[in-house]
Amino acid sequence: MLKHCLLMSLLAAASLNARADLVVLQYHHVDDSTPPSTSTSVSLFRAQMDMVETMGLPVVPLKEGTVKALEGDDRKEVAITFDDAYDSVYETAAPLLEDHGFPYTVFVNTDAVGRTGYMTWEQLRTLSGRPGVTIANHSADHGHLVQRPDENAEDWNRRVDQSLDRASEALQNRLESDPTLFAYPYGEFDVQLQKKLRGRQWYGYGQQSGPIGPGSDSTRMPRFPMANAYGQLGSLKSKLKSLAFPTEANALPDSVIRSNPPALDLTLSDAWSPKRLTCFASGMGRIEISIEGQNRVNVEAPRPFDSRRFRYNCTYPAGNGHFFWLSQPWLDLSRPED
């Protein structure tokens, strides 16, 4: 408890120039004709990369930036990631990133390699040989890895271990990949899945928004989704300037909900005014915050959600156009898988 309070006080009081929070951008397709929910248009992607360069933010390899951010180093950085290894990454995104000299990471679900719309092993091998390109694990089958309500522990362990390790073996046997980086399919995870990654000493990345900072958990790290609906330039600048919310991730609840809508309890820094905290719920816009005490708040949506995945996003002004940013992902296992 003392460590938690000290961390919050130190982070909230830190100079913005001394923050090393890592902003990770997450993409799927970079294409004008693929599904809108997972696509970034070519023109928007080009404009996003131009903005990163114009703002003078260092773009670093994902693992390097992650380690530095978790250690609380003193440099703010950006990392670029792609999930699923779609062929548009090879054909469209890679040349643009090479022009900028930006490193990036491709998370590969290995069973899909070579299928229509996905990169081939030869293309992945070509990318892996280029400076600054990292190939990493996105599971073998891109399955929903959280234990299903009707699945016993033995079956779940066998299913998940096979998917994680089969992909890791394929990537290491075929490519120069980093075996310690993993992106959760669909951004879905829970404490049991985190425990598996922790036992492997892997870094785990979700699809909830926010930067990575010294209070982040290495098995539930956030990334900013950059599909057309979320990556417009007006909001991108704020995301690139965002700061990790000063609370330890292990103080946050498991993502699997027990009631709908779920409640999120937060302890704020003593220096903060709870009235300046702003929270939003997926599909509901801004939601009310209940102040429980001098520095405690309760966040709860006004009605149940009807989707499998949703989030509470909370921000707090940090001055000079910067915001502390927290995203709590939720997962309703009573809803069908995609």
C-alpha atoms as a PDB file:
ATOM      1  CA  MET A   1       0.000   0.000   0.000  1.00  0.00           C
ATOM      2  CA  LEU A   2       2.841   2.389   0.865  1.00  0.00           C
ATOM      3  CA  LYS A   3       4.566   1.596  -2.435  1.00  0.00           C
ATOM      4  CA  HIS A   4       1.307   2.262  -4.294  1.00  0.00           C
ATOM      5  CA  CYS A   5       0.815   5.655  -2.641  1.00  0.00           C
ATOM      6  CA  LEU A   6       4.419   6.700  -3.208  1.00  0.00           C
ATOM      7  CA  LEU A   7       4.238   5.728  -6.873  1.00  0.00           C
ATOM      8  CA  MET A   8       1.077   7.740  -7.431  1.00  0.00           C
ATOM      9  CA  SER A   9       2.527  10.804  -5.739  1.00  0.00           C
ATOM     10  CA  LEU A  10       5.772  10.633  -7.680  1.00  0.00           C
ATOM     11  CA  LEU A  11       4.088  10.139 -11.037  1.00  0.00           C
ATOM     12  CA  ALA A  12       1.544  12.892 -10.525  1.00  0.00           C
ATOM     13  CA  ALA A  13       4.222  15.371  -9.473  1.00  0.00           C
ATOM     14  CA  ALA A  14       6.747  14.466 -12.171  1.00  0.00           C
ATOM     15  CA  SER A  15       7.728  17.056 -14.736  1.00  0.00           C
ATOM     16  CA  LEU A  16       6.237  16.343 -18.162  1.00  0.00           C
ATOM     17  CA  ASN A  17       9.727  16.619 -19.640  1.00  0.00           C
ATOM     18  CA  ALA A  18      10.940  13.808 -17.403  1.00  0.00           C
ATOM     19  CA  ARG A  19       8.259  11.305 -18.381  1.00  0.00           C
ATOM     20  CA  ALA A  20       9.233   8.263 -20.432  1.00  0.00           C
ATOM     21  CA  ASP A  21       5.765   6.963 -21.179  1.00  0.00           C
ATOM     22  CA  LEU A  22       5.633   4.864 -24.345  1.00  0.00           C
ATOM     23  CA  VAL A  23       2.754   5.405 -26.762  1.00  0.00           C
ATOM     24  CA  VAL A  24       2.156   2.235 -28.790  1.00  0.00           C
ATOM     25  CA  LEU A  25       0.095   2.544 -31.982  1.00  0.00           C
ATOM     26  CA  GLN A  26      -1.823  -0.581 -33.025  1.00  0.00           C
ATOM     27  CA  TYR A  27      -2.862  -1.356 -36.616  1.00  0.00           C
ATOM     28  CA  HIS A  28      -4.389  -4.237 -38.576  1.00  0.00           C
ATOM     29  CA  HIS A  29      -4.945  -3.413 -42.274  1.00  0.00           C
ATOM     30  CA  VAL A  30      -3.489  -0.368 -44.019  1.00  0.00           C
ATOM     31  CA  ASP A  31      -5.849  -0.436 -46.953  1.00  0.00           C
ATOM     32  CA  ASP A  32      -8.777   1.438 -48.492  1.00  0.00           C
ATOM     33  CA  SER A  33     -10.903  -1.646 -49.237  1.00  0.00           C
ATOM     34  CA  THR A  34     -10.704  -3.875 -46.139  1.00  0.00           C
ATOM     35  CA  PRO A  35     -13.236  -3.879 -43.227  1.00  0.00           C
ATOM     36  CA  PRO A  36     -13.519  -0.365 -41.720  1.00  0.00           C
ATOM     37  CA  SER A  37     -13.448  -1.576 -38.122  1.00  0.00           C
ATOM     38  CA  THR A  38      -9.886  -2.880 -38.511  1.00  0.00           C
ATOM     39  CA  SER A  39      -8.577  -0.719 -41.346  1.00  0.00           C
ATOM     40  CA  THR A  40      -6.573   2.478 -41.614  1.00  0.00           C
ATOM     41  CA  SER A  41      -6.791   4.180 -44.984  1.00  0.00           C
ATOM     42  CA  VAL A  42      -3.533   4.694 -46.843  1.00  0.00           C
ATOM     43  CA  SER A  43      -3.885   8.473 -46.784  1.00  0.00           C
ATOM     44  CA  LEU A  44      -4.623   8.514 -43.046  1.00  0.00           C
ATOM     45  CA  PHE A  45      -1.703   6.200 -42.268  1.00  0.00           C
ATOM     46  CA  ARG A  46       0.628   8.433 -44.265  1.00  0.00           C
ATOM     47  CA  ALA A  47      -0.689  11.521 -42.421  1.00  0.00           C
ATOM     48  CA  GLN A  48      -0.285   9.782 -39.042  1.00  0.00           C
ATOM     49  CA  MET A  49       3.358   8.949 -39.740  1.00  0.00           C
ATOM     50  CA  ASP A  50       3.952  12.520 -40.900  1.00  0.00           C
ATOM     51  CA  MET A  51       2.476  13.820 -37.641  1.00  0.00           C
ATOM     52  CA  VAL A  52       4.716  11.561 -35.538  1.00  0.00           C
ATOM     53  CA  GLU A  53       7.754  12.826 -37.424  1.00  0.00           C
ATOM     54  CA  THR A  54       6.660  16.485 -37.275  1.00  0.00           C
ATOM     55  CA  MET A  55       6.171  16.255 -33.504  1.00  0.00           C
ATOM     56  CA  GLY A  56       9.740  15.015 -33.184  1.00  0.00           C
ATOM     57  CA  LEU A  57       8.820  11.964 -31.132  1.00  0.00           C
ATOM     58  CA  PRO A  58      11.415   9.166 -31.251  1.00  0.00           C
ATOM     59  CA  VAL A  59      10.028   5.962 -32.772  1.00  0.00           C
ATOM     60  CA  VAL A  60      11.712   2.963 -31.169  1.00  0.00           C
ATOM     61  CA  PRO A  61      11.495  -0.840 -31.331  1.00  0.00           C
ATOM     62  CA  LEU A  62       8.636  -2.089 -29.171  1.00  0.00           C
ATOM     63  CA  LYS A  63      10.647  -4.111 -26.676  1.00  0.00           C
ATOM     64  CA  GLU A  64      13.283  -1.427 -26.178  1.00  0.00           C
ATOM     65  CA  GLY A  65      10.648   1.224 -25.569  1.00  0.00           C
ATOM     66  CA  THR A  66       8.627  -1.040 -23.285  1.00  0.00           C
ATOM     67  CA  VAL A  67      11.568  -1.888 -21.041  1.00  0.00           C
ATOM     68  CA  LYS A  68      12.556   1.774 -20.727  1.00  0.00           C
ATOM     69  CA  ALA A  69       9.000   2.902 -19.985  1.00  0.00           C
ATOM     70  CA  LEU A  70       8.487   0.248 -17.309  1.00  0.00           C
ATOM     71  CA  GLU A  71      11.772   1.268 -15.702  1.00  0.00           C
ATOM     72  CA  GLY A  72      10.742   4.939 -15.679  1.00  0.00           C
ATOM     73  CA  ASP A  73      13.456   6.188 -18.019  1.00  0.00           C
ATOM     74  CA  ASP A  74      13.438   9.865 -19.003  1.00  0.00           C
ATOM     75  CA  ARG A  75      12.471   9.908 -22.682  1.00  0.00           C
ATOM     76  CA  LYS A  76       8.984   9.906 -24.211  1.00  0.00           C
ATOM     77  CA  GLU A  77       8.785   7.540 -27.194  1.00  0.00           C
ATOM     78  CA  VAL A  78       6.456   5.904 -29.737  1.00  0.00           C
ATOM     79  CA  ALA A  79       6.278   2.321 -31.005  1.00  0.00           C
ATOM     80  CA  ILE A  80       4.336   1.032 -34.028  1.00  0.00           C
ATOM     81  CA  THR A  81       2.679  -2.406 -34.149  1.00  0.00           C
ATOM     82  CA  PHE A  82       0.564  -4.456 -36.572  1.00  0.00           C
ATOM     83  CA  ASP A  83      -1.640  -7.419 -35.634  1.00  0.00           C
ATOM     84  CA  ASP A  84      -2.334 -10.447 -37.877  1.00  0.00           C
ATOM     85  CA  ALA A  85       0.361  -9.886 -40.564  1.00  0.00           C
ATOM     86  CA  TYR A  86      -2.007  -8.794 -43.316  1.00  0.00           C
ATOM     87  CA  ASP A  87      -0.459  -8.411 -46.760  1.00  0.00           C
ATOM     88  CA  SER A  88      -1.237  -4.675 -46.825  1.00  0.00           C
ATOM     89  CA  VAL A  89       1.408  -4.238 -44.129  1.00  0.00           C
ATOM     90  CA  TYR A  90       4.029  -5.666 -46.467  1.00  0.00           C
ATOM     91  CA  GLU A  91       2.774  -3.939 -49.610  1.00  0.00           C
ATOM     92  CA  THR A  92       1.740  -0.529 -48.280  1.00  0.00           C
ATOM     93  CA  ALA A  93       2.782   0.189 -44.693  1.00  0.00           C
ATOM     94  CA  ALA A  94       6.323  -1.196 -44.820  1.00  0.00           C
ATOM     95  CA  PRO A  95       7.542   1.059 -47.676  1.00  0.00           C
ATOM     96  CA  LEU A  96       6.096   4.153 -45.968  1.00  0.00           C
ATOM     97  CA  LEU A  97       7.718   3.234 -42.659  1.00  0.00           C
ATOM     98  CA  GLU A  98      11.024   2.587 -44.397  1.00  0.00           C
ATOM     99  CA  ASP A  99      10.854   6.066 -45.957  1.00  0.00           C
ATOM    100  CA  HIS A 100      10.514   7.533 -42.462  1.00  0.00           C
ATOM    101  CA  GLY A 101      13.125   5.224 -40.964  1.00  0.00           C
ATOM    102  CA  PHE A 102      10.607   4.016 -38.346  1.00  0.00           C
ATOM    103  CA  PRO A 103      11.007   0.591 -36.681  1.00  0.00           C
ATOM    104  CA  TYR A 104       7.898  -1.523 -36.155  1.00  0.00           C
ATOM    105  CA  THR A 105       6.609  -4.879 -34.893  1.00  0.00           C
ATOM    106  CA  VAL A 106       4.349  -7.381 -36.689  1.00  0.00           C
ATOM    107  CA  PHE A 107       2.383  -9.798 -34.480  1.00  0.00           C
ATOM    108  CA  VAL A 108       1.739 -13.007 -36.425  1.00  0.00           C
ATOM    109  CA  ASN A 109      -0.977 -15.643 -35.948  1.00  0.00           C
ATOM    110  CA  THR A 110       0.998 -18.402 -37.607  1.00  0.00           C
ATOM    111  CA  ASP A 111      -1.821 -20.642 -38.916  1.00  0.00           C
ATOM    112  CA  ALA A 112      -2.965 -17.805 -41.202  1.00  0.00           C
ATOM    113  CA  VAL A 113       0.408 -17.240 -42.880  1.00  0.00           C
ATOM    114  CA  GLY A 114       0.087 -17.732 -46.645  1.00  0.00           C
ATOM    115  CA  ARG A 115      -3.707 -17.551 -46.710  1.00  0.00           C
ATOM    116  CA  THR A 116      -5.488 -15.020 -48.901  1.00  0.00           C
ATOM    117  CA  GLY A 117      -4.990 -11.540 -47.496  1.00  0.00           C
ATOM    118  CA  TYR A 118      -2.087 -12.503 -45.235  1.00  0.00           C
ATOM    119  CA  MET A 119       1.669 -12.346 -45.712  1.00  0.00           C
ATOM    120  CA  THR A 120       3.601 -15.402 -46.783  1.00  0.00           C
ATOM    121  CA  TRP A 121       6.537 -16.845 -44.855  1.00  0.00           C
ATOM    122  CA  GLU A 122       8.817 -15.486 -47.567  1.00  0.00           C
ATOM    123  CA  GLN A 123       7.458 -11.964 -47.089  1.00  0.00           C
ATOM    124  CA  LEU A 124       7.787 -12.244 -43.317  1.00  0.00           C
ATOM    125  CA  ARG A 125      11.348 -13.476 -43.736  1.00  0.00           C
ATOM    126  CA  THR A 126      12.108 -10.482 -45.939  1.00  0.00           C
ATOM    127  CA  LEU A 127      10.741  -8.085 -43.323  1.00  0.00           C
ATOM    128  CA  SER A 128      12.523  -9.812 -40.458  1.00  0.00           C
ATOM    129  CA  GLY A 129      15.840  -9.207 -42.205  1.00  0.00           C
ATOM    130  CA  ARG A 130      15.296  -5.442 -42.399  1.00  0.00           C
ATOM    131  CA  PRO A 131      16.734  -3.156 -39.708  1.00  0.00           C
ATOM    132  CA  GLY A 132      14.208  -2.204 -37.032  1.00  0.00           C
ATOM    133  CA  VAL A 133      11.582  -4.824 -37.921  1.00  0.00           C
ATOM    134  CA  THR A 134      10.483  -7.280 -35.214  1.00  0.00           C
ATOM    135  CA  ILE A 135       8.292 -10.322 -35.830  1.00  0.00           C
ATOM    136  CA  ALA A 136       6.353 -11.466 -32.755  1.00  0.00           C
ATOM    137  CA  ASN A 137       3.691 -13.862 -31.473  1.00  0.00           C
ATOM    138  CA  HIS A 138      -0.076 -13.407 -31.894  1.00  0.00           C
ATOM    139  CA  SER A 139      -0.928 -17.085 -31.152  1.00  0.00           C
ATOM    140  CA  ALA A 140      -1.179 -19.911 -33.668  1.00  0.00           C
ATOM    141  CA  ASP A 141      -4.923 -19.901 -34.354  1.00  0.00           C
ATOM    142  CA  HIS A 142      -6.025 -16.415 -33.264  1.00  0.00           C
ATOM    143  CA  GLY A 143      -8.492 -18.042 -30.891  1.00  0.00           C
ATOM    144  CA  HIS A 144     -10.253 -16.519 -27.907  1.00  0.00           C
ATOM    145  CA  LEU A 145      -7.772 -17.472 -25.203  1.00  0.00           C
ATOM    146  CA  VAL A 146      -9.687 -16.646 -22.015  1.00  0.00           C
ATOM    147  CA  GLN A 147     -11.204 -19.757 -20.427  1.00  0.00           C
ATOM    148  CA  ARG A 148     -14.734 -20.348 -21.674  1.00  0.00           C
ATOM    149  CA  PRO A 149     -17.569 -20.778 -19.145  1.00  0.00           C
ATOM    150  CA  ASP A 150     -18.121 -24.407 -20.235  1.00  0.00           C
ATOM    151  CA  GLU A 151     -14.402 -25.293 -20.453  1.00  0.00           C
ATOM    152  CA  ASN A 152     -12.615 -27.149 -17.661  1.00  0.00           C
ATOM    153  CA  ALA A 153      -9.178 -26.046 -16.484  1.00  0.00           C
ATOM    154  CA  GLU A 154      -7.333 -29.013 -17.999  1.00  0.00           C
ATOM    155  CA  ASP A 155      -8.802 -28.467 -21.466  1.00  0.00           C
ATOM    156  CA  TRP A 156      -8.180 -24.721 -21.255  1.00  0.00           C
ATOM    157  CA  ASN A 157      -4.552 -25.145 -20.246  1.00  0.00           C
ATOM    158  CA  ARG A 158      -3.930 -27.609 -23.067  1.00  0.00           C
ATOM    159  CA  ARG A 159      -5.666 -25.446 -25.681  1.00  0.00           C
ATOM    160  CA  VAL A 160      -3.920 -22.222 -24.748  1.00  0.00           C
ATOM    161  CA  ASP A 161      -0.477 -23.721 -24.209  1.00  0.00           C
ATOM    162  CA  GLN A 162      -0.617 -25.348 -27.635  1.00  0.00           C
ATOM    163  CA  SER A 163      -1.616 -22.092 -29.341  1.00  0.00           C
ATOM    164  CA  LEU A 164       1.000 -19.962 -27.587  1.00  0.00           C
ATOM    165  CA  ASP A 165       3.878 -22.406 -27.881  1.00  0.00           C
ATOM    166  CA  ARG A 166       3.143 -23.715 -31.363  1.00  0.00           C
ATOM    167  CA  ALA A 167       3.257 -20.151 -32.701  1.00  0.00           C
ATOM    168  CA  SER A 168       6.439 -19.389 -30.762  1.00  0.00           C
ATOM    169  CA  GLU A 169       8.166 -22.487 -32.153  1.00  0.00           C
ATOM    170  CA  ALA A 170       7.109 -21.736 -35.740  1.00  0.00           C
ATOM    171  CA  LEU A 171       8.334 -18.156 -35.560  1.00  0.00           C
ATOM    172  CA  GLN A 172      11.658 -19.071 -34.006  1.00  0.00           C
ATOM    173  CA  ASN A 173      12.247 -21.949 -36.414  1.00  0.00           C
ATOM    174  CA  ARG A 174      11.369 -19.960 -39.545  1.00  0.00           C
ATOM    175  CA  LEU A 175      12.333 -16.381 -38.682  1.00  0.00           C
ATOM    176  CA  GLU A 176      14.440 -14.185 -36.469  1.00  0.00           C
ATOM    177  CA  SER A 177      11.579 -13.409 -34.103  1.00  0.00           C
ATOM    178  CA  ASP A 178      11.441 -12.099 -30.551  1.00  0.00           C
ATOM    179  CA  PRO A 179       9.917 -14.890 -28.431  1.00  0.00           C
ATOM    180  CA  THR A 180       9.091 -12.559 -25.529  1.00  0.00           C
ATOM    181  CA  LEU A 181       6.548 -10.263 -27.241  1.00  0.00           C
ATOM    182  CA  PHE A 182       2.891 -11.324 -27.416  1.00  0.00           C
ATOM    183  CA  ALA A 183      -0.308  -9.557 -28.492  1.00  0.00           C
ATOM    184  CA  TYR A 184      -3.597 -10.979 -27.206  1.00  0.00           C
ATOM    185  CA  PRO A 185      -6.024 -11.924 -30.012  1.00  0.00           C
ATOM    186  CA  TYR A 186      -8.978  -9.531 -29.978  1.00  0.00           C
ATOM    187  CA  GLY A 187      -7.249  -7.774 -27.074  1.00  0.00           C
ATOM    188  CA  GLU A 188      -8.898 -10.288 -24.700  1.00  0.00           C
ATOM    189  CA  PHE A 189      -7.107 -11.325 -21.510  1.00  0.00           C
ATOM    190  CA  ASP A 190      -7.773 -12.124 -17.876  1.00  0.00           C
ATOM    191  CA  VAL A 191      -5.665 -12.756 -14.783  1.00  0.00           C
ATOM    192  CA  GLN A 192      -5.183 -16.449 -15.599  1.00  0.00           C
ATOM    193  CA  LEU A 193      -3.921 -15.691 -19.092  1.00  0.00           C
ATOM    194  CA  GLN A 194      -1.655 -12.996 -17.681  1.00  0.00           C
ATOM    195  CA  LYS A 195      -0.254 -15.591 -15.290  1.00  0.00           C
ATOM    196  CA  LYS A 196       0.682 -17.813 -18.248  1.00  0.00           C
ATOM    197  CA  LEU A 197       2.602 -14.986 -19.896  1.00  0.00           C
ATOM    198  CA  ARG A 198       4.289 -14.046 -16.647  1.00  0.00           C
ATOM    199  CA  GLY A 199       5.460 -17.623 -16.214  1.00  0.00           C
ATOM    200  CA  ARG A 200       6.992 -17.508 -19.695  1.00  0.00           C
ATOM    201  CA  GLN A 201       8.505 -14.067 -19.006  1.00  0.00           C
ATOM    202  CA  TRP A 202       6.645 -12.652 -21.998  1.00  0.00           C
ATOM    203  CA  TYR A 203       5.381  -9.099 -22.471  1.00  0.00           C
ATOM    204  CA  GLY A 204       1.633  -8.979 -23.192  1.00  0.00           C
ATOM    205  CA  TYR A 205      -0.114  -6.243 -25.195  1.00  0.00           C
ATOM    206  CA  GLY A 206      -3.857  -5.616 -25.356  1.00  0.00           C
ATOM    207  CA  GLN A 207      -6.063  -3.289 -27.389  1.00  0.00           C
ATOM    208  CA  GLN A 208      -7.154  -0.955 -24.604  1.00  0.00           C
ATOM    209  CA  SER A 209      -5.902   2.578 -25.117  1.00  0.00           C
ATOM    210  CA  GLY A 210      -3.302   4.517 -23.161  1.00  0.00           C
ATOM    211  CA  PRO A 211       0.480   4.803 -22.857  1.00  0.00           C
ATOM    212  CA  ILE A 212       2.839   2.463 -21.011  1.00  0.00           C
ATOM    213  CA  GLY A 213       4.514   3.873 -17.891  1.00  0.00           C
ATOM    214  CA  PRO A 214       6.360   2.713 -14.783  1.00  0.00           C
ATOM    215  CA  GLY A 215       3.129   1.580 -13.117  1.00  0.00           C
ATOM    216  CA  SER A 216       2.027  -0.606 -16.044  1.00  0.00           C
ATOM    217  CA  ASP A 217       1.775  -4.383 -15.746  1.00  0.00           C
ATOM    218  CA  SER A 218       4.056  -6.112 -18.254  1.00  0.00           C
ATOM    219  CA  THR A 219       1.314  -8.629 -19.114  1.00  0.00           C
ATOM    220  CA  ARG A 220      -1.571  -6.180 -19.767  1.00  0.00           C
ATOM    221  CA  MET A 221       0.010  -3.257 -21.553  1.00  0.00           C
ATOM    222  CA  PRO A 222      -2.125  -0.815 -23.535  1.00  0.00           C
ATOM    223  CA  ARG A 223      -1.935   0.231 -27.157  1.00  0.00           C
ATOM    224  CA  PHE A 224      -3.886   2.890 -29.046  1.00  0.00           C
ATOM    225  CA  PRO A 225      -6.007   1.342 -31.842  1.00  0.00           C
ATOM    226  CA  MET A 226      -5.441   3.320 -35.035  1.00  0.00           C
ATOM    227  CA  ALA A 227      -8.274   2.193 -37.337  1.00  0.00           C
ATOM    228  CA  ASN A 228     -10.067   4.985 -39.182  1.00  0.00           C
ATOM    229  CA  ALA A 229     -12.626   5.588 -36.418  1.00  0.00           C
ATOM    230  CA  TYR A 230      -9.969   6.009 -33.712  1.00  0.00           C
ATOM    231  CA  GLY A 231      -6.917   7.334 -35.526  1.00  0.00           C
ATOM    232  CA  GLN A 232      -8.076  10.673 -36.901  1.00  0.00           C
ATOM    233  CA  LEU A 233      -5.444  13.390 -36.669  1.00  0.00           C
ATOM    234  CA  GLY A 234      -7.426  15.606 -34.305  1.00  0.00           C
ATOM    235  CA  SER A 235      -7.339  12.980 -31.572  1.00  0.00           C
ATOM    236  CA  LEU A 236      -3.993  11.432 -32.524  1.00  0.00           C
ATOM    237  CA  LYS A 237      -2.037  14.436 -31.307  1.00  0.00           C
ATOM    238  CA  SER A 238      -3.597  14.139 -27.841  1.00  0.00           C
ATOM    239  CA  LYS A 239      -2.841  10.419 -27.776  1.00  0.00           C
ATOM    240  CA  LEU A 240       0.776  10.954 -28.765  1.00  0.00           C
ATOM    241  CA  LYS A 241       1.132  13.479 -25.937  1.00  0.00           C
ATOM    242  CA  SER A 242      -0.692  11.346 -23.364  1.00  0.00           C
ATOM    243  CA  LEU A 243       0.781  10.212 -20.046  1.00  0.00           C
ATOM    244  CA  ALA A 244       0.230   6.949 -18.212  1.00  0.00           C
ATOM    245  CA  PHE A 245      -2.379   7.251 -15.472  1.00  0.00           C
ATOM    246  CA  PRO A 246      -0.590   7.255 -12.096  1.00  0.00           C
ATOM    247  CA  THR A 247      -1.981   4.063 -10.680  1.00  0.00           C
ATOM    248  CA  GLU A 248      -0.444   0.616 -10.639  1.00  0.00           C
ATOM    249  CA  ALA A 249      -2.040  -1.765 -13.119  1.00  0.00           C
ATOM    250  CA  ASN A 250      -2.174  -4.544 -10.527  1.00  0.00           C
ATOM    251  CA  ALA A 251      -4.616  -2.379  -8.582  1.00  0.00           C
ATOM    252  CA  LEU A 252      -7.057  -2.531 -11.503  1.00  0.00           C
ATOM    253  CA  PRO A 253      -9.769  -5.226 -11.706  1.00  0.00           C
ATOM    254  CA  ASP A 254      -9.739  -8.315 -13.888  1.00  0.00           C
ATOM    255  CA  SER A 255     -11.262  -7.674 -17.299  1.00  0.00           C
ATOM    256  CA  VAL A 256     -13.856 -10.461 -17.025  1.00  0.00           C
ATOM    257  CA  ILE A 257     -17.038  -8.899 -15.679  1.00  0.00           C
ATOM    258  CA  ARG A 258     -19.082 -10.311 -12.795  1.00  0.00           C
ATOM    259  CA  SER A 259     -21.952  -7.879 -13.214  1.00  0.00           C
ATOM    260  CA  ASN A 260     -23.167  -5.705 -16.083  1.00  0.00           C
ATOM    261  CA  PRO A 261     -22.465  -2.813 -16.046  1.00  0.00           C
ATOM    262  CA  PRO A 262     -19.207  -3.318 -14.142  1.00  0.00           C
ATOM    263  CA  ALA A 263     -17.857  -0.876 -11.570  1.00  0.00           C
ATOM    264  CA  LEU A 264     -14.354   0.583 -11.574  1.00  0.00           C
ATOM    265  CA  ASP A 265     -12.962   1.988  -8.310  1.00  0.00           C
ATOM    266  CA  LEU A 266      -9.993   4.333  -8.606  1.00  0.00           C
ATOM    267  CA  THR A 267      -7.776   5.969  -6.022  1.00  0.00           C
ATOM    268  CA  LEU A 268      -6.485   9.297  -7.298  1.00  0.00           C
ATOM    269  CA  SER A 269      -3.427  11.248  -6.282  1.00  0.00           C
ATOM    270  CA  ASP A 270      -3.974  13.464  -3.238  1.00  0.00           C
ATOM    271  CA  ALA A 271      -3.011  16.417  -5.441  1.00  0.00           C
ATOM    272  CA  TRP A 272      -5.856  15.746  -7.877  1.00  0.00           C
ATOM    273  CA  SER A 273      -9.401  17.052  -7.847  1.00  0.00           C
ATOM    274  CA  PRO A 274     -11.864  14.191  -8.590  1.00  0.00           C
ATOM    275  CA  LYS A 275     -14.125  16.700 -10.333  1.00  0.00           C
ATOM    276  CA  ARG A 276     -11.545  17.115 -13.116  1.00  0.00           C
ATOM    277  CA  LEU A 277     -11.566  13.419 -14.000  1.00  0.00           C
ATOM    278  CA  THR A 278     -13.499  12.618 -17.174  1.00  0.00           C
ATOM    279  CA  CYS A 279     -14.604   9.082 -18.082  1.00  0.00           C
ATOM    280  CA  PHE A 280     -16.275   7.581 -21.144  1.00  0.00           C
ATOM    281  CA  ALA A 281     -17.912   4.196 -21.773  1.00  0.00           C
ATOM    282  CA  SER A 282     -17.908   2.387 -25.116  1.00  0.00           C
ATOM    283  CA  GLY A 283     -20.937   3.458 -27.142  1.00  0.00           C
ATOM    284  CA  MET A 284     -22.323   5.617 -24.321  1.00  0.00           C
ATOM    285  CA  GLY A 285     -20.156   8.708 -24.387  1.00  0.00           C
ATOM    286  CA  ARG A 286     -19.277  10.527 -21.196  1.00  0.00           C
ATOM    287  CA  ILE A 287     -20.545   8.892 -18.001  1.00  0.00           C
ATOM    288  CA  GLU A 288     -21.043  10.126 -14.461  1.00  0.00           C
ATOM    289  CA  ILE A 289     -18.404   9.618 -11.765  1.00  0.00           C
ATOM    290  CA  SER A 290     -19.302   9.053  -8.116  1.00  0.00           C
ATOM    291  CA  ILE A 291     -16.900  10.688  -5.672  1.00  0.00           C
ATOM    292  CA  GLU A 292     -16.502   8.306  -2.733  1.00  0.00           C
ATOM    293  CA  GLY A 293     -14.080  10.364  -0.660  1.00  0.00           C
ATOM    294  CA  GLN A 294     -11.275  12.897  -0.904  1.00  0.00           C
ATOM    295  CA  ASN A 295      -9.396  10.887  -3.534  1.00  0.00           C
ATOM    296  CA  ARG A 296     -11.581   7.877  -4.380  1.00  0.00           C
ATOM    297  CA  VAL A 297     -14.041   7.641  -7.248  1.00  0.00           C
ATOM    298  CA  ASN A 298     -16.382   5.008  -8.622  1.00  0.00           C
ATOM    299  CA  VAL A 299     -16.975   4.740 -12.366  1.00  0.00           C
ATOM    300  CA  GLU A 300     -19.997   2.815 -13.625  1.00  0.00           C
ATOM    301  CA  ALA A 301     -21.986   3.027 -16.861  1.00  0.00           C
ATOM    302  CA  PRO A 302     -25.665   3.956 -16.541  1.00  0.00           C
ATOM    303  CA  ARG A 303     -26.931   0.776 -18.239  1.00  0.00           C
ATOM    304  CA  PRO A 304     -25.711  -2.707 -19.236  1.00  0.00           C
ATOM    305  CA  PHE A 305     -23.574  -3.267 -22.311  1.00  0.00           C
ATOM    306  CA  ASP A 306     -24.726  -5.576 -25.117  1.00  0.00           C
ATOM    307  CA  SER A 307     -21.293  -6.368 -26.588  1.00  0.00           C
ATOM    308  CA  ARG A 308     -18.609  -8.909 -25.729  1.00  0.00           C
ATOM    309  CA  ARG A 309     -15.830  -6.317 -25.328  1.00  0.00           C
ATOM    310  CA  PHE A 310     -16.081  -2.732 -24.095  1.00  0.00           C
ATOM    311  CA  ARG A 311     -14.059  -0.199 -22.138  1.00  0.00           C
ATOM    312  CA  TYR A 312     -14.052   2.653 -19.670  1.00  0.00           C
ATOM    313  CA  ASN A 313     -11.616   5.384 -20.747  1.00  0.00           C
ATOM    314  CA  CYS A 314     -10.662   8.033 -18.183  1.00  0.00           C
ATOM    315  CA  THR A 315      -8.483  11.110 -18.579  1.00  0.00           C
ATOM    316  CA  TYR A 316      -7.173  13.794 -16.255  1.00  0.00           C
ATOM    317  CA  PRO A 317      -5.609  17.093 -17.454  1.00  0.00           C
ATOM    318  CA  ALA A 318      -1.855  17.354 -16.920  1.00  0.00           C
ATOM    319  CA  GLY A 319      -1.319  20.816 -18.430  1.00  0.00           C
ATOM    320  CA  ASN A 320       0.135  22.027 -21.728  1.00  0.00           C
ATOM    321  CA  GLY A 321      -2.304  19.895 -23.730  1.00  0.00           C
ATOM    322  CA  HIS A 322      -1.254  16.658 -22.019  1.00  0.00           C
ATOM    323  CA  PHE A 323      -3.643  14.211 -20.360  1.00  0.00           C
ATOM    324  CA  PHE A 324      -3.132  11.276 -18.046  1.00  0.00           C
ATOM    325  CA  TRP A 325      -4.928   8.396 -19.758  1.00  0.00           C
ATOM    326  CA  LEU A 326      -6.368   5.124 -18.437  1.00  0.00           C
ATOM    327  CA  SER A 327      -8.403   2.490 -20.282  1.00  0.00           C
ATOM    328  CA  GLN A 328     -10.006  -0.418 -18.424  1.00  0.00           C
ATOM    329  CA  PRO A 329     -11.027  -3.243 -20.777  1.00  0.00           C
ATOM    330  CA  TRP A 330     -14.034  -5.405 -19.954  1.00  0.00           C
ATOM    331  CA  LEU A 331     -14.969  -8.847 -21.282  1.00  0.00           C
ATOM    332  CA  ASP A 332     -18.446 -10.391 -21.078  1.00  0.00           C
ATOM    333  CA  LEU A 333     -18.004 -14.166 -21.504  1.00  0.00           C
ATOM    334  CA  SER A 334     -21.770 -14.665 -21.773  1.00  0.00           C
ATOM    335  CA  ARG A 335     -21.600 -13.065 -25.213  1.00  0.00           C
ATOM    336  CA  PRO A 336     -20.650 -15.179 -28.255  1.00  0.00           C
ATOM    337  CA  GLU A 337     -17.118 -15.246 -29.631  1.00  0.00           C
ATOM    338  CA  ASP A 338     -16.395 -13.409 -32.880  1.00  0.00           C
END
